[in-house]
Amino acid sequence: MSGSVVDNGDGTYTIPVVFDPSAGSAPGVVVDQPGRPPVVLGPIVTGGRHLCRTWKLLICLLLLVIAVLILILLFG
């Protein structure tokens, strides 16, 4: 953290931070409240390129099935 926590007045808070990408790990913050377990907040990690390839493959297969169905309806 590079400064104090700021209450935004709408149920959210802003925390200024400094992150060095060469550190080798993702940034994160641990929120600790009395009477509650700590919560780790960090960047959302998705499947990245692998997820994108999977969706592209599924869309291509769906288009192929639609094309086959259209050919069957036209010439069947």
PDB file of N, CA and C in Angstrom:
ATOM      1  N   MET A   1       0.848  -1.174   0.000  1.00  0.00           N
ATOM      2  CA  MET A   1       0.000   0.000   0.000  1.00  0.00           C
ATOM      3  C   MET A   1       0.892   1.235   0.000  1.00  0.00           C
ATOM      4  N   SER A   2       0.481   2.208  -0.798  1.00  0.00           N
ATOM      5  CA  SER A   2       1.280   3.428  -0.876  1.00  0.00           C
ATOM      6  C   SER A   2       0.589   4.615  -0.211  1.00  0.00           C
ATOM      7  N   GLY A   3      -0.534   4.353   0.438  1.00  0.00           N
ATOM      8  CA  GLY A   3      -1.262   5.428   1.102  1.00  0.00           C
ATOM      9  C   GLY A   3      -2.340   4.847   1.996  1.00  0.00           C
ATOM     10  N   SER A   4      -3.184   5.713   2.504  1.00  0.00           N
ATOM     11  CA  SER A   4      -4.240   5.306   3.423  1.00  0.00           C
ATOM     12  C   SER A   4      -5.478   4.826   2.684  1.00  0.00           C
ATOM     13  N   VAL A   5      -6.270   4.004   3.352  1.00  0.00           N
ATOM     14  CA  VAL A   5      -7.546   3.553   2.815  1.00  0.00           C
ATOM     15  C   VAL A   5      -8.508   4.740   2.825  1.00  0.00           C
ATOM     16  N   VAL A   6      -9.226   4.930   1.718  1.00  0.00           N
ATOM     17  CA  VAL A   6     -10.172   6.045   1.601  1.00  0.00           C
ATOM     18  C   VAL A   6     -11.583   5.476   1.506  1.00  0.00           C
ATOM     19  N   ASP A   7     -12.477   5.926   2.399  1.00  0.00           N
ATOM     20  CA  ASP A   7     -13.885   5.530   2.353  1.00  0.00           C
ATOM     21  C   ASP A   7     -14.567   6.378   1.288  1.00  0.00           C
ATOM     22  N   ASN A   8     -15.095   5.739   0.243  1.00  0.00           N
ATOM     23  CA  ASN A   8     -15.739   6.462  -0.851  1.00  0.00           C
ATOM     24  C   ASN A   8     -17.152   6.920  -0.509  1.00  0.00           C
ATOM     25  N   GLY A   9     -17.666   6.507   0.636  1.00  0.00           N
ATOM     26  CA  GLY A   9     -18.987   6.944   1.078  1.00  0.00           C
ATOM     27  C   GLY A   9     -20.144   6.209   0.422  1.00  0.00           C
ATOM     28  N   ASP A  10     -19.844   5.203  -0.393  1.00  0.00           N
ATOM     29  CA  ASP A  10     -20.914   4.453  -1.068  1.00  0.00           C
ATOM     30  C   ASP A  10     -20.793   2.944  -0.817  1.00  0.00           C
ATOM     31  N   GLY A  11     -20.089   2.582   0.250  1.00  0.00           N
ATOM     32  CA  GLY A  11     -19.901   1.173   0.569  1.00  0.00           C
ATOM     33  C   GLY A  11     -18.638   0.590  -0.040  1.00  0.00           C
ATOM     34  N   THR A  12     -17.882   1.413  -0.764  1.00  0.00           N
ATOM     35  CA  THR A  12     -16.625   0.949  -1.356  1.00  0.00           C
ATOM     36  C   THR A  12     -15.464   1.744  -0.776  1.00  0.00           C
ATOM     37  N   TYR A  13     -14.294   1.200  -0.948  1.00  0.00           N
ATOM     38  CA  TYR A  13     -13.087   1.844  -0.453  1.00  0.00           C
ATOM     39  C   TYR A  13     -12.041   1.857  -1.560  1.00  0.00           C
ATOM     40  N   THR A  14     -11.155   2.842  -1.515  1.00  0.00           N
ATOM     41  CA  THR A  14     -10.052   2.935  -2.457  1.00  0.00           C
ATOM     42  C   THR A  14      -8.756   2.821  -1.677  1.00  0.00           C
ATOM     43  N   ILE A  15      -7.843   1.973  -2.218  1.00  0.00           N
ATOM     44  CA  ILE A  15      -6.545   1.799  -1.584  1.00  0.00           C
ATOM     45  C   ILE A  15      -5.473   2.026  -2.641  1.00  0.00           C
ATOM     46  N   PRO A  16      -4.653   3.055  -2.487  1.00  0.00           N
ATOM     47  CA  PRO A  16      -3.567   3.251  -3.450  1.00  0.00           C
ATOM     48  C   PRO A  16      -2.465   2.220  -3.207  1.00  0.00           C
ATOM     49  N   VAL A  17      -2.018   1.575  -4.284  1.00  0.00           N
ATOM     50  CA  VAL A  17      -0.967   0.565  -4.171  1.00  0.00           C
ATOM     51  C   VAL A  17       0.078   0.784  -5.255  1.00  0.00           C
ATOM     52  N   VAL A  18       1.253   0.224  -5.035  1.00  0.00           N
ATOM     53  CA  VAL A  18       2.323   0.220  -6.014  1.00  0.00           C
ATOM     54  C   VAL A  18       2.634  -1.240  -6.303  1.00  0.00           C
ATOM     55  N   PHE A  19       2.722  -1.587  -7.593  1.00  0.00           N
ATOM     56  CA  PHE A  19       2.987  -2.972  -7.974  1.00  0.00           C
ATOM     57  C   PHE A  19       4.154  -3.033  -8.942  1.00  0.00           C
ATOM     58  N   ASP A  20       5.082  -3.924  -8.680  1.00  0.00           N
ATOM     59  CA  ASP A  20       6.241  -4.132  -9.552  1.00  0.00           C
ATOM     60  C   ASP A  20       6.004  -5.411 -10.352  1.00  0.00           C
ATOM     61  N   PRO A  21       5.706  -5.317 -11.654  1.00  0.00           N
ATOM     62  CA  PRO A  21       5.433  -6.508 -12.462  1.00  0.00           C
ATOM     63  C   PRO A  21       6.592  -7.502 -12.503  1.00  0.00           C
ATOM     64  N   SER A  22       7.807  -7.034 -12.259  1.00  0.00           N
ATOM     65  CA  SER A  22       8.947  -7.945 -12.285  1.00  0.00           C
ATOM     66  C   SER A  22       9.062  -8.764 -11.000  1.00  0.00           C
ATOM     67  N   ALA A  23       8.162  -8.558 -10.050  1.00  0.00           N
ATOM     68  CA  ALA A  23       8.207  -9.287  -8.776  1.00  0.00           C
ATOM     69  C   ALA A  23       7.914 -10.769  -8.967  1.00  0.00           C
ATOM     70  N   GLY A  24       7.205 -11.114 -10.055  1.00  0.00           N
ATOM     71  CA  GLY A  24       6.953 -12.518 -10.349  1.00  0.00           C
ATOM     72  C   GLY A  24       5.668 -13.072  -9.774  1.00  0.00           C
ATOM     73  N   SER A  25       4.939 -12.302  -9.009  1.00  0.00           N
ATOM     74  CA  SER A  25       3.651 -12.765  -8.488  1.00  0.00           C
ATOM     75  C   SER A  25       2.609 -11.674  -8.668  1.00  0.00           C
ATOM     76  N   ALA A  26       1.348 -12.091  -8.646  1.00  0.00           N
ATOM     77  CA  ALA A  26       0.248 -11.138  -8.834  1.00  0.00           C
ATOM     78  C   ALA A  26       0.034 -10.317  -7.564  1.00  0.00           C
ATOM     79  N   PRO A  27      -0.435  -9.077  -7.718  1.00  0.00           N
ATOM     80  CA  PRO A  27      -0.712  -8.259  -6.536  1.00  0.00           C
ATOM     81  C   PRO A  27      -1.950  -8.762  -5.812  1.00  0.00           C
ATOM     82  N   GLY A  28      -2.051  -8.473  -4.540  1.00  0.00           N
ATOM     83  CA  GLY A  28      -3.221  -8.879  -3.767  1.00  0.00           C
ATOM     84  C   GLY A  28      -3.294  -8.085  -2.474  1.00  0.00           C
ATOM     85  N   VAL A  29      -4.466  -8.083  -1.871  1.00  0.00           N
ATOM     86  CA  VAL A  29      -4.709  -7.392  -0.609  1.00  0.00           C
ATOM     87  C   VAL A  29      -5.494  -8.338   0.291  1.00  0.00           C
ATOM     88  N   VAL A  30      -5.142  -8.402   1.562  1.00  0.00           N
ATOM     89  CA  VAL A  30      -5.895  -9.190   2.529  1.00  0.00           C
ATOM     90  C   VAL A  30      -6.724  -8.227   3.364  1.00  0.00           C
ATOM     91  N   VAL A  31      -8.045  -8.422   3.353  1.00  0.00           N
ATOM     92  CA  VAL A  31      -8.952  -7.585   4.137  1.00  0.00           C
ATOM     93  C   VAL A  31      -9.307  -8.354   5.401  1.00  0.00           C
ATOM     94  N   ASP A  32      -9.038  -7.748   6.556  1.00  0.00           N
ATOM     95  CA  ASP A  32      -9.276  -8.387   7.838  1.00  0.00           C
ATOM     96  C   ASP A  32     -10.211  -7.516   8.655  1.00  0.00           C
ATOM     97  N   GLN A  33     -11.345  -8.088   9.069  1.00  0.00           N
ATOM     98  CA  GLN A  33     -12.317  -7.369   9.896  1.00  0.00           C
ATOM     99  C   GLN A  33     -12.501  -8.137  11.195  1.00  0.00           C
ATOM    100  N   PRO A  34     -12.707  -7.441  12.305  1.00  0.00           N
ATOM    101  CA  PRO A  34     -12.928  -8.133  13.577  1.00  0.00           C
ATOM    102  C   PRO A  34     -14.151  -9.052  13.498  1.00  0.00           C
ATOM    103  N   GLY A  35     -14.001 -10.270  13.966  1.00  0.00           N
ATOM    104  CA  GLY A  35     -15.118 -11.212  13.995  1.00  0.00           C
ATOM    105  C   GLY A  35     -15.388 -11.922  12.677  1.00  0.00           C
ATOM    106  N   ARG A  36     -14.582 -11.671  11.659  1.00  0.00           N
ATOM    107  CA  ARG A  36     -14.765 -12.315  10.351  1.00  0.00           C
ATOM    108  C   ARG A  36     -13.427 -12.888   9.879  1.00  0.00           C
ATOM    109  N   PRO A  37     -13.492 -13.946   9.078  1.00  0.00           N
ATOM    110  CA  PRO A  37     -12.231 -14.468   8.542  1.00  0.00           C
ATOM    111  C   PRO A  37     -11.656 -13.512   7.499  1.00  0.00           C
ATOM    112  N   PRO A  38     -10.332 -13.485   7.348  1.00  0.00           N
ATOM    113  CA  PRO A  38      -9.723 -12.602   6.344  1.00  0.00           C
ATOM    114  C   PRO A  38     -10.099 -13.023   4.929  1.00  0.00           C
ATOM    115  N   VAL A  39     -10.175 -12.036   4.033  1.00  0.00           N
ATOM    116  CA  VAL A  39     -10.513 -12.271   2.629  1.00  0.00           C
ATOM    117  C   VAL A  39      -9.348 -11.773   1.775  1.00  0.00           C
ATOM    118  N   VAL A  40      -8.896 -12.624   0.859  1.00  0.00           N
ATOM    119  CA  VAL A  40      -7.806 -12.242  -0.042  1.00  0.00           C
ATOM    120  C   VAL A  40      -8.410 -11.717  -1.339  1.00  0.00           C
ATOM    121  N   LEU A  41      -8.038 -10.507  -1.718  1.00  0.00           N
ATOM    122  CA  LEU A  41      -8.515  -9.886  -2.955  1.00  0.00           C
ATOM    123  C   LEU A  41      -7.348  -9.762  -3.913  1.00  0.00           C
ATOM    124  N   GLY A  42      -7.588 -10.148  -5.159  1.00  0.00           N
ATOM    125  CA  GLY A  42      -6.536 -10.053  -6.155  1.00  0.00           C
ATOM    126  C   GLY A  42      -7.138 -10.030  -7.537  1.00  0.00           C
ATOM    127  N   PRO A  43      -6.295 -10.069  -8.558  1.00  0.00           N
ATOM    128  CA  PRO A  43      -6.809 -10.036  -9.925  1.00  0.00           C
ATOM    129  C   PRO A  43      -7.590 -11.300 -10.252  1.00  0.00           C
ATOM    130  N   ILE A  44      -8.582 -11.159 -11.103  1.00  0.00           N
ATOM    131  CA  ILE A  44      -9.372 -12.298 -11.554  1.00  0.00           C
ATOM    132  C   ILE A  44      -8.592 -13.000 -12.658  1.00  0.00           C
ATOM    133  N   VAL A  45      -8.387 -14.288 -12.482  1.00  0.00           N
ATOM    134  CA  VAL A  45      -7.644 -15.064 -13.465  1.00  0.00           C
ATOM    135  C   VAL A  45      -8.626 -15.923 -14.250  1.00  0.00           C
ATOM    136  N   THR A  46      -8.595 -15.793 -15.567  1.00  0.00           N
ATOM    137  CA  THR A  46      -9.459 -16.606 -16.420  1.00  0.00           C
ATOM    138  C   THR A  46      -8.620 -17.635 -17.140  1.00  0.00           C
ATOM    139  N   GLY A  47      -9.267 -18.417 -17.959  1.00  0.00           N
ATOM    140  CA  GLY A  47      -8.569 -19.457 -18.695  1.00  0.00           C
ATOM    141  C   GLY A  47      -7.624 -18.923 -19.748  1.00  0.00           C
ATOM    142  N   GLY A  48      -7.681 -17.655 -20.047  1.00  0.00           N
ATOM    143  CA  GLY A  48      -6.772 -17.042 -21.006  1.00  0.00           C
ATOM    144  C   GLY A  48      -6.956 -17.593 -22.408  1.00  0.00           C
ATOM    145  N   ARG A  49      -5.844 -17.847 -23.096  1.00  0.00           N
ATOM    146  CA  ARG A  49      -5.876 -18.298 -24.485  1.00  0.00           C
ATOM    147  C   ARG A  49      -6.566 -19.648 -24.633  1.00  0.00           C
ATOM    148  N   HIS A  50      -6.371 -20.531 -23.666  1.00  0.00           N
ATOM    149  CA  HIS A  50      -6.982 -21.863 -23.746  1.00  0.00           C
ATOM    150  C   HIS A  50      -8.503 -21.746 -23.804  1.00  0.00           C
ATOM    151  N   LEU A  51      -9.070 -20.880 -22.966  1.00  0.00           N
ATOM    152  CA  LEU A  51     -10.519 -20.679 -22.956  1.00  0.00           C
ATOM    153  C   LEU A  51     -10.981 -20.117 -24.289  1.00  0.00           C
ATOM    154  N   CYS A  52     -10.232 -19.202 -24.858  1.00  0.00           N
ATOM    155  CA  CYS A  52     -10.580 -18.596 -26.140  1.00  0.00           C
ATOM    156  C   CYS A  52     -10.585 -19.655 -27.244  1.00  0.00           C
ATOM    157  N   ARG A  53      -9.580 -20.524 -27.247  1.00  0.00           N
ATOM    158  CA  ARG A  53      -9.521 -21.590 -28.259  1.00  0.00           C
ATOM    159  C   ARG A  53     -10.702 -22.531 -28.124  1.00  0.00           C
ATOM    160  N   THR A  54     -11.092 -22.837 -26.908  1.00  0.00           N
ATOM    161  CA  THR A  54     -12.224 -23.742 -26.676  1.00  0.00           C
ATOM    162  C   THR A  54     -13.499 -23.147 -27.247  1.00  0.00           C
ATOM    163  N   TRP A  55     -13.735 -21.858 -26.992  1.00  0.00           N
ATOM    164  CA  TRP A  55     -14.934 -21.207 -27.519  1.00  0.00           C
ATOM    165  C   TRP A  55     -14.914 -21.170 -29.042  1.00  0.00           C
ATOM    166  N   LYS A  56     -13.761 -20.882 -29.618  1.00  0.00           N
ATOM    167  CA  LYS A  56     -13.660 -20.851 -31.083  1.00  0.00           C
ATOM    168  C   LYS A  56     -13.961 -22.223 -31.667  1.00  0.00           C
ATOM    169  N   LEU A  57     -13.453 -23.271 -31.046  1.00  0.00           N
ATOM    170  CA  LEU A  57     -13.709 -24.632 -31.515  1.00  0.00           C
ATOM    171  C   LEU A  57     -15.194 -24.955 -31.422  1.00  0.00           C
ATOM    172  N   LEU A  58     -15.825 -24.608 -30.316  1.00  0.00           N
ATOM    173  CA  LEU A  58     -17.259 -24.882 -30.157  1.00  0.00           C
ATOM    174  C   LEU A  58     -18.098 -24.121 -31.177  1.00  0.00           C
ATOM    175  N   ILE A  59     -17.735 -22.879 -31.448  1.00  0.00           N
ATOM    176  CA  ILE A  59     -18.471 -22.085 -32.441  1.00  0.00           C
ATOM    177  C   ILE A  59     -18.298 -22.681 -33.831  1.00  0.00           C
ATOM    178  N   CYS A  60     -17.078 -23.113 -34.164  1.00  0.00           N
ATOM    179  CA  CYS A  60     -16.834 -23.732 -35.476  1.00  0.00           C
ATOM    180  C   CYS A  60     -17.637 -25.019 -35.628  1.00  0.00           C
ATOM    181  N   LEU A  61     -17.670 -25.834 -34.581  1.00  0.00           N
ATOM    182  CA  LEU A  61     -18.456 -27.072 -34.636  1.00  0.00           C
ATOM    183  C   LEU A  61     -19.948 -26.778 -34.788  1.00  0.00           C
ATOM    184  N   LEU A  62     -20.425 -25.775 -34.086  1.00  0.00           N
ATOM    185  CA  LEU A  62     -21.834 -25.398 -34.191  1.00  0.00           C
ATOM    186  C   LEU A  62     -22.155 -24.929 -35.608  1.00  0.00           C
ATOM    187  N   LEU A  63     -21.290 -24.120 -36.203  1.00  0.00           N
ATOM    188  CA  LEU A  63     -21.513 -23.662 -37.572  1.00  0.00           C
ATOM    189  C   LEU A  63     -21.485 -24.820 -38.561  1.00  0.00           C
ATOM    190  N   LEU A  64     -20.605 -25.784 -38.325  1.00  0.00           N
ATOM    191  CA  LEU A  64     -20.542 -26.960 -39.188  1.00  0.00           C
ATOM    192  C   LEU A  64     -21.836 -27.773 -39.108  1.00  0.00           C
ATOM    193  N   VAL A  65     -22.353 -27.958 -37.906  1.00  0.00           N
ATOM    194  CA  VAL A  65     -23.609 -28.693 -37.734  1.00  0.00           C
ATOM    195  C   VAL A  65     -24.755 -27.954 -38.422  1.00  0.00           C
ATOM    196  N   ILE A  66     -24.804 -26.637 -38.287  1.00  0.00           N
ATOM    197  CA  ILE A  66     -25.851 -25.845 -38.941  1.00  0.00           C
ATOM    198  C   ILE A  66     -25.743 -25.965 -40.455  1.00  0.00           C
ATOM    199  N   ALA A  67     -24.511 -25.905 -40.988  1.00  0.00           N
ATOM    200  CA  ALA A  67     -24.321 -26.030 -42.435  1.00  0.00           C
ATOM    201  C   ALA A  67     -24.783 -27.389 -42.927  1.00  0.00           C
ATOM    202  N   VAL A  68     -24.479 -28.460 -42.212  1.00  0.00           N
ATOM    203  CA  VAL A  68     -24.907 -29.807 -42.594  1.00  0.00           C
ATOM    204  C   VAL A  68     -26.427 -29.903 -42.564  1.00  0.00           C
ATOM    205  N   LEU A  69     -27.055 -29.330 -41.544  1.00  0.00           N
ATOM    206  CA  LEU A  69     -28.516 -29.366 -41.451  1.00  0.00           C
ATOM    207  C   LEU A  69     -29.161 -28.607 -42.616  1.00  0.00           C
ATOM    208  N   ILE A  70     -28.584 -27.480 -42.980  1.00  0.00           N
ATOM    209  CA  ILE A  70     -29.124 -26.710 -44.110  1.00  0.00           C
ATOM    210  C   ILE A  70     -28.995 -27.504 -45.409  1.00  0.00           C
ATOM    211  N   LEU A  71     -27.848 -28.160 -45.616  1.00  0.00           N
ATOM    212  CA  LEU A  71     -27.665 -28.980 -46.813  1.00  0.00           C
ATOM    213  C   LEU A  71     -28.658 -30.134 -46.847  1.00  0.00           C
ATOM    214  N   ILE A  72     -28.906 -30.757 -45.707  1.00  0.00           N
ATOM    215  CA  ILE A  72     -29.882 -31.850 -45.649  1.00  0.00           C
ATOM    216  C   ILE A  72     -31.274 -31.354 -45.988  1.00  0.00           C
ATOM    217  N   LEU A  73     -31.636 -30.184 -45.468  1.00  0.00           N
ATOM    218  CA  LEU A  73     -32.961 -29.629 -45.728  1.00  0.00           C
ATOM    219  C   LEU A  73     -33.110 -29.218 -47.209  1.00  0.00           C
ATOM    220  N   LEU A  74     -32.051 -28.691 -47.800  1.00  0.00           N
ATOM    221  CA  LEU A  74     -32.134 -28.247 -49.178  1.00  0.00           C
ATOM    222  C   LEU A  74     -32.118 -29.404 -50.190  1.00  0.00           C
ATOM    223  N   PHE A  75     -31.290 -30.410 -49.938  1.00  0.00           N
ATOM    224  CA  PHE A  75     -31.094 -31.475 -50.916  1.00  0.00           C
ATOM    225  C   PHE A  75     -31.620 -32.835 -50.459  1.00  0.00           C
ATOM    226  N   GLY A  76     -32.244 -32.892 -49.270  1.00  0.00           N
ATOM    227  CA  GLY A  76     -32.672 -34.188 -48.735  1.00  0.00           C
ATOM    228  C   GLY A  76     -34.035 -34.585 -49.051  1.00  0.00           C
TER     229      GLY A  76
END
